[in-house]
Amino acid sequence: MAMGSIRASDDDDLDDMPMSDINVTPMVDVMLVLLIIFMVAAPLMTTGVPVQLPKTAAPKVAQSKKPAEVTVDKDGNPSIAKEVFTMESIVPRLREMAAADKDQVILVRGDRDVPYGKVMEVMGLVGQAGFTKVSLIAQSPGAAAPAAASAPPAGAAR
């Protein structure tokens, strides 16, 4: 820490007042050295160990099927692929779909004017049908396409 004194004007009878300044030059030097070290080390951390991967004749893994959507319109009626159901009539259709593929992902879309309880009731029906992968779809504030929000399995406690 540098110490100096400020000399008052000759007219004043003030004594010499000590002045303390913090010397930031060493701190700036250390920060620049650290910045350079991190700039050099960062690319080395992201790349793994180079290896020669073996060739294989196995086919590529098939992509998972497109998830099925259950939509709840503003009147509270559920629908699957533009086929409108009542709360009672959708259960057999969902069980039929679950018998074909129990691990299929079901996305539940609800109109913003539908009460939350109605959407949860539809999610419960999907869970009763035997599906374990149920998600809600919501539209993100700045996006035009809806985003899927993960939900707990239908059989889990709420």
C-alpha atoms as a PDB file:
ATOM      1  CA  MET A   1       0.000   0.000   0.000  1.00  0.00           C
ATOM      2  CA  ALA A   2       1.453   3.302  -1.013  1.00  0.00           C
ATOM      3  CA  MET A   3       1.575   6.005   1.555  1.00  0.00           C
ATOM      4  CA  GLY A   4       2.048   9.601   0.728  1.00  0.00           C
ATOM      5  CA  SER A   5       1.266  12.936   2.200  1.00  0.00           C
ATOM      6  CA  ILE A   6      -0.793  15.818   1.008  1.00  0.00           C
ATOM      7  CA  ARG A   7       0.727  19.129   1.753  1.00  0.00           C
ATOM      8  CA  ALA A   8      -1.799  21.763   2.627  1.00  0.00           C
ATOM      9  CA  SER A   9      -1.396  25.190   1.149  1.00  0.00           C
ATOM     10  CA  ASP A  10       1.004  27.490   2.889  1.00  0.00           C
ATOM     11  CA  ASP A  11      -1.854  29.578   4.219  1.00  0.00           C
ATOM     12  CA  ASP A  12      -3.433  26.720   6.160  1.00  0.00           C
ATOM     13  CA  ASP A  13      -2.042  25.572   9.459  1.00  0.00           C
ATOM     14  CA  LEU A  14      -2.990  21.955   8.816  1.00  0.00           C
ATOM     15  CA  ASP A  15      -0.422  19.290   9.444  1.00  0.00           C
ATOM     16  CA  ASP A  16       0.626  16.841   6.775  1.00  0.00           C
ATOM     17  CA  MET A  17      -2.288  14.438   6.217  1.00  0.00           C
ATOM     18  CA  PRO A  18      -1.382  10.853   5.288  1.00  0.00           C
ATOM     19  CA  MET A  19      -3.004   9.559   2.086  1.00  0.00           C
ATOM     20  CA  SER A  20      -3.439   5.861   1.363  1.00  0.00           C
ATOM     21  CA  ASP A  21      -4.013   4.493  -2.125  1.00  0.00           C
ATOM     22  CA  ILE A  22      -4.460   0.877  -3.124  1.00  0.00           C
ATOM     23  CA  ASN A  23      -2.081  -0.184  -5.844  1.00  0.00           C
ATOM     24  CA  VAL A  24      -4.229  -2.232  -8.268  1.00  0.00           C
ATOM     25  CA  THR A  25      -1.474  -2.964 -10.783  1.00  0.00           C
ATOM     26  CA  PRO A  26      -0.447  -6.321  -9.219  1.00  0.00           C
ATOM     27  CA  MET A  27      -4.091  -7.390  -9.023  1.00  0.00           C
ATOM     28  CA  VAL A  28      -4.631  -6.557 -12.702  1.00  0.00           C
ATOM     29  CA  ASP A  29      -1.476  -8.481 -13.609  1.00  0.00           C
ATOM     30  CA  VAL A  30      -2.676 -11.566 -11.722  1.00  0.00           C
ATOM     31  CA  MET A  31      -6.148 -11.379 -13.286  1.00  0.00           C
ATOM     32  CA  LEU A  32      -4.684 -11.152 -16.804  1.00  0.00           C
ATOM     33  CA  VAL A  33      -2.449 -14.174 -16.151  1.00  0.00           C
ATOM     34  CA  LEU A  34      -5.453 -16.144 -14.848  1.00  0.00           C
ATOM     35  CA  LEU A  35      -7.498 -15.114 -17.884  1.00  0.00           C
ATOM     36  CA  ILE A  36      -4.798 -16.372 -20.238  1.00  0.00           C
ATOM     37  CA  ILE A  37      -4.479 -19.645 -18.318  1.00  0.00           C
ATOM     38  CA  PHE A  38      -8.237 -20.276 -18.483  1.00  0.00           C
ATOM     39  CA  MET A  39      -8.383 -19.340 -22.166  1.00  0.00           C
ATOM     40  CA  VAL A  40      -5.688 -21.913 -22.924  1.00  0.00           C
ATOM     41  CA  ALA A  41      -7.029 -24.609 -20.578  1.00  0.00           C
ATOM     42  CA  ALA A  42     -10.748 -24.373 -21.477  1.00  0.00           C
ATOM     43  CA  PRO A  43     -10.506 -26.010 -24.932  1.00  0.00           C
ATOM     44  CA  LEU A  44      -8.434 -28.822 -23.448  1.00  0.00           C
ATOM     45  CA  MET A  45     -11.165 -29.600 -20.899  1.00  0.00           C
ATOM     46  CA  THR A  46     -13.929 -29.945 -23.500  1.00  0.00           C
ATOM     47  CA  THR A  47     -12.133 -32.339 -25.823  1.00  0.00           C
ATOM     48  CA  GLY A  48     -11.773 -35.889 -24.692  1.00  0.00           C
ATOM     49  CA  VAL A  49      -8.974 -38.333 -25.264  1.00  0.00           C
ATOM     50  CA  PRO A  50      -8.610 -38.987 -28.994  1.00  0.00           C
ATOM     51  CA  VAL A  51      -9.461 -42.590 -29.867  1.00  0.00           C
ATOM     52  CA  GLN A  52      -9.940 -44.593 -33.052  1.00  0.00           C
ATOM     53  CA  LEU A  53     -13.504 -45.952 -32.897  1.00  0.00           C
ATOM     54  CA  PRO A  54     -14.112 -49.435 -34.347  1.00  0.00           C
ATOM     55  CA  LYS A  55     -16.327 -49.918 -37.380  1.00  0.00           C
ATOM     56  CA  THR A  56     -19.540 -51.938 -37.056  1.00  0.00           C
ATOM     57  CA  ALA A  57     -22.150 -53.354 -39.386  1.00  0.00           C
ATOM     58  CA  ALA A  58     -24.985 -52.938 -36.871  1.00  0.00           C
ATOM     59  CA  PRO A  59     -27.891 -50.764 -38.031  1.00  0.00           C
ATOM     60  CA  LYS A  60     -28.508 -47.389 -36.443  1.00  0.00           C
ATOM     61  CA  VAL A  61     -30.773 -47.308 -33.425  1.00  0.00           C
ATOM     62  CA  ALA A  62     -34.281 -46.387 -34.515  1.00  0.00           C
ATOM     63  CA  GLN A  63     -35.684 -43.157 -33.208  1.00  0.00           C
ATOM     64  CA  SER A  64     -38.465 -43.463 -30.675  1.00  0.00           C
ATOM     65  CA  LYS A  65     -41.979 -43.095 -31.973  1.00  0.00           C
ATOM     66  CA  LYS A  66     -43.684 -39.747 -32.053  1.00  0.00           C
ATOM     67  CA  PRO A  67     -45.582 -39.163 -28.789  1.00  0.00           C
ATOM     68  CA  ALA A  68     -49.365 -39.303 -28.814  1.00  0.00           C
ATOM     69  CA  GLU A  69     -51.251 -36.163 -27.847  1.00  0.00           C
ATOM     70  CA  VAL A  70     -54.388 -35.921 -25.762  1.00  0.00           C
ATOM     71  CA  THR A  71     -55.944 -32.473 -26.112  1.00  0.00           C
ATOM     72  CA  VAL A  72     -58.444 -30.880 -23.739  1.00  0.00           C
ATOM     73  CA  ASP A  73     -60.432 -28.177 -25.545  1.00  0.00           C
ATOM     74  CA  LYS A  74     -61.853 -25.056 -23.940  1.00  0.00           C
ATOM     75  CA  ASP A  75     -65.128 -26.882 -23.180  1.00  0.00           C
ATOM     76  CA  GLY A  76     -63.216 -29.569 -21.247  1.00  0.00           C
ATOM     77  CA  ASN A  77     -63.700 -32.341 -23.822  1.00  0.00           C
ATOM     78  CA  PRO A  78     -60.655 -34.583 -24.418  1.00  0.00           C
ATOM     79  CA  SER A  79     -59.622 -35.604 -27.922  1.00  0.00           C
ATOM     80  CA  ILE A  80     -57.029 -37.839 -29.528  1.00  0.00           C
ATOM     81  CA  ALA A  81     -55.929 -37.065 -33.093  1.00  0.00           C
ATOM     82  CA  LYS A  82     -58.920 -34.770 -33.776  1.00  0.00           C
ATOM     83  CA  GLU A  83     -61.370 -37.428 -32.519  1.00  0.00           C
ATOM     84  CA  VAL A  84     -63.415 -35.884 -29.694  1.00  0.00           C
ATOM     85  CA  PHE A  85     -64.393 -38.057 -26.719  1.00  0.00           C
ATOM     86  CA  THR A  86     -66.229 -37.641 -23.446  1.00  0.00           C
ATOM     87  CA  MET A  87     -64.478 -38.320 -20.152  1.00  0.00           C
ATOM     88  CA  GLU A  88     -66.081 -41.765 -19.994  1.00  0.00           C
ATOM     89  CA  SER A  89     -65.552 -42.758 -23.633  1.00  0.00           C
ATOM     90  CA  ILE A  90     -61.846 -41.875 -23.782  1.00  0.00           C
ATOM     91  CA  VAL A  91     -60.813 -44.533 -21.235  1.00  0.00           C
ATOM     92  CA  PRO A  92     -61.392 -47.563 -23.521  1.00  0.00           C
ATOM     93  CA  ARG A  93     -59.478 -45.839 -26.340  1.00  0.00           C
ATOM     94  CA  LEU A  94     -56.573 -45.056 -23.996  1.00  0.00           C
ATOM     95  CA  ARG A  95     -56.526 -48.674 -22.734  1.00  0.00           C
ATOM     96  CA  GLU A  96     -56.448 -49.872 -26.325  1.00  0.00           C
ATOM     97  CA  MET A  97     -53.483 -47.600 -27.026  1.00  0.00           C
ATOM     98  CA  ALA A  98     -51.727 -48.748 -23.830  1.00  0.00           C
ATOM     99  CA  ALA A  99     -52.196 -52.397 -24.789  1.00  0.00           C
ATOM    100  CA  ALA A 100     -50.419 -51.693 -28.082  1.00  0.00           C
ATOM    101  CA  ASP A 101     -47.486 -49.798 -26.504  1.00  0.00           C
ATOM    102  CA  LYS A 102     -47.394 -49.153 -22.761  1.00  0.00           C
ATOM    103  CA  ASP A 103     -44.102 -47.210 -22.939  1.00  0.00           C
ATOM    104  CA  GLN A 104     -45.394 -44.658 -25.426  1.00  0.00           C
ATOM    105  CA  VAL A 105     -45.088 -41.039 -24.301  1.00  0.00           C
ATOM    106  CA  ILE A 106     -48.416 -39.239 -23.946  1.00  0.00           C
ATOM    107  CA  LEU A 107     -48.471 -35.451 -24.163  1.00  0.00           C
ATOM    108  CA  VAL A 108     -51.463 -33.712 -22.591  1.00  0.00           C
ATOM    109  CA  ARG A 109     -52.381 -30.319 -24.038  1.00  0.00           C
ATOM    110  CA  GLY A 110     -54.946 -28.146 -22.345  1.00  0.00           C
ATOM    111  CA  ASP A 111     -56.505 -24.899 -23.506  1.00  0.00           C
ATOM    112  CA  ARG A 112     -55.508 -22.008 -21.269  1.00  0.00           C
ATOM    113  CA  ASP A 113     -59.178 -21.400 -20.349  1.00  0.00           C
ATOM    114  CA  VAL A 114     -59.711 -24.978 -19.091  1.00  0.00           C
ATOM    115  CA  PRO A 115     -59.623 -25.313 -15.294  1.00  0.00           C
ATOM    116  CA  TYR A 116     -56.500 -27.003 -13.943  1.00  0.00           C
ATOM    117  CA  GLY A 117     -58.580 -29.745 -12.330  1.00  0.00           C
ATOM    118  CA  LYS A 118     -60.003 -30.807 -15.702  1.00  0.00           C
ATOM    119  CA  VAL A 119     -56.517 -31.231 -17.178  1.00  0.00           C
ATOM    120  CA  MET A 120     -55.416 -33.197 -14.107  1.00  0.00           C
ATOM    121  CA  GLU A 121     -58.494 -35.397 -14.450  1.00  0.00           C
ATOM    122  CA  VAL A 122     -57.493 -36.237 -18.035  1.00  0.00           C
ATOM    123  CA  MET A 123     -53.947 -36.961 -16.857  1.00  0.00           C
ATOM    124  CA  GLY A 124     -55.394 -39.305 -14.251  1.00  0.00           C
ATOM    125  CA  LEU A 125     -57.368 -41.140 -16.925  1.00  0.00           C
ATOM    126  CA  VAL A 126     -54.197 -41.531 -18.987  1.00  0.00           C
ATOM    127  CA  GLY A 127     -52.454 -42.990 -15.949  1.00  0.00           C
ATOM    128  CA  GLN A 128     -55.373 -45.341 -15.217  1.00  0.00           C
ATOM    129  CA  ALA A 129     -55.158 -46.620 -18.776  1.00  0.00           C
ATOM    130  CA  GLY A 130     -51.641 -47.870 -18.040  1.00  0.00           C
ATOM    131  CA  PHE A 131     -49.319 -45.209 -19.431  1.00  0.00           C
ATOM    132  CA  THR A 132     -46.337 -44.289 -17.253  1.00  0.00           C
ATOM    133  CA  LYS A 133     -44.795 -41.499 -19.347  1.00  0.00           C
ATOM    134  CA  VAL A 134     -47.147 -38.539 -19.268  1.00  0.00           C
ATOM    135  CA  SER A 135     -46.093 -34.931 -19.896  1.00  0.00           C
ATOM    136  CA  LEU A 136     -47.850 -31.591 -20.108  1.00  0.00           C
ATOM    137  CA  ILE A 137     -47.363 -29.277 -23.069  1.00  0.00           C
ATOM    138  CA  ALA A 138     -47.026 -25.554 -22.503  1.00  0.00           C
ATOM    139  CA  GLN A 139     -46.099 -22.748 -24.819  1.00  0.00           C
ATOM    140  CA  SER A 140     -42.955 -20.882 -23.841  1.00  0.00           C
ATOM    141  CA  PRO A 141     -43.348 -17.097 -23.713  1.00  0.00           C
ATOM    142  CA  GLY A 142     -41.120 -16.281 -26.687  1.00  0.00           C
ATOM    143  CA  ALA A 143     -41.627 -19.399 -28.805  1.00  0.00           C
ATOM    144  CA  ALA A 144     -44.261 -20.278 -31.358  1.00  0.00           C
ATOM    145  CA  ALA A 145     -43.938 -24.041 -30.871  1.00  0.00           C
ATOM    146  CA  PRO A 146     -45.167 -25.647 -27.629  1.00  0.00           C
ATOM    147  CA  ALA A 147     -42.621 -27.035 -25.187  1.00  0.00           C
ATOM    148  CA  ALA A 148     -43.134 -30.265 -23.238  1.00  0.00           C
ATOM    149  CA  ALA A 149     -42.942 -30.007 -19.459  1.00  0.00           C
ATOM    150  CA  SER A 150     -42.127 -33.222 -17.691  1.00  0.00           C
ATOM    151  CA  ALA A 151     -44.675 -34.522 -15.219  1.00  0.00           C
ATOM    152  CA  PRO A 152     -44.418 -37.287 -12.636  1.00  0.00           C
ATOM    153  CA  PRO A 153     -45.606 -40.746 -13.631  1.00  0.00           C
ATOM    154  CA  ALA A 154     -49.374 -41.002 -13.628  1.00  0.00           C
ATOM    155  CA  GLY A 155     -49.398 -43.516 -10.773  1.00  0.00           C
ATOM    156  CA  ALA A 156     -47.319 -41.258  -8.483  1.00  0.00           C
ATOM    157  CA  ALA A 157     -48.845 -39.425  -5.546  1.00  0.00           C
ATOM    158  CA  ARG A 158     -50.008 -35.905  -6.310  1.00  0.00           C
END
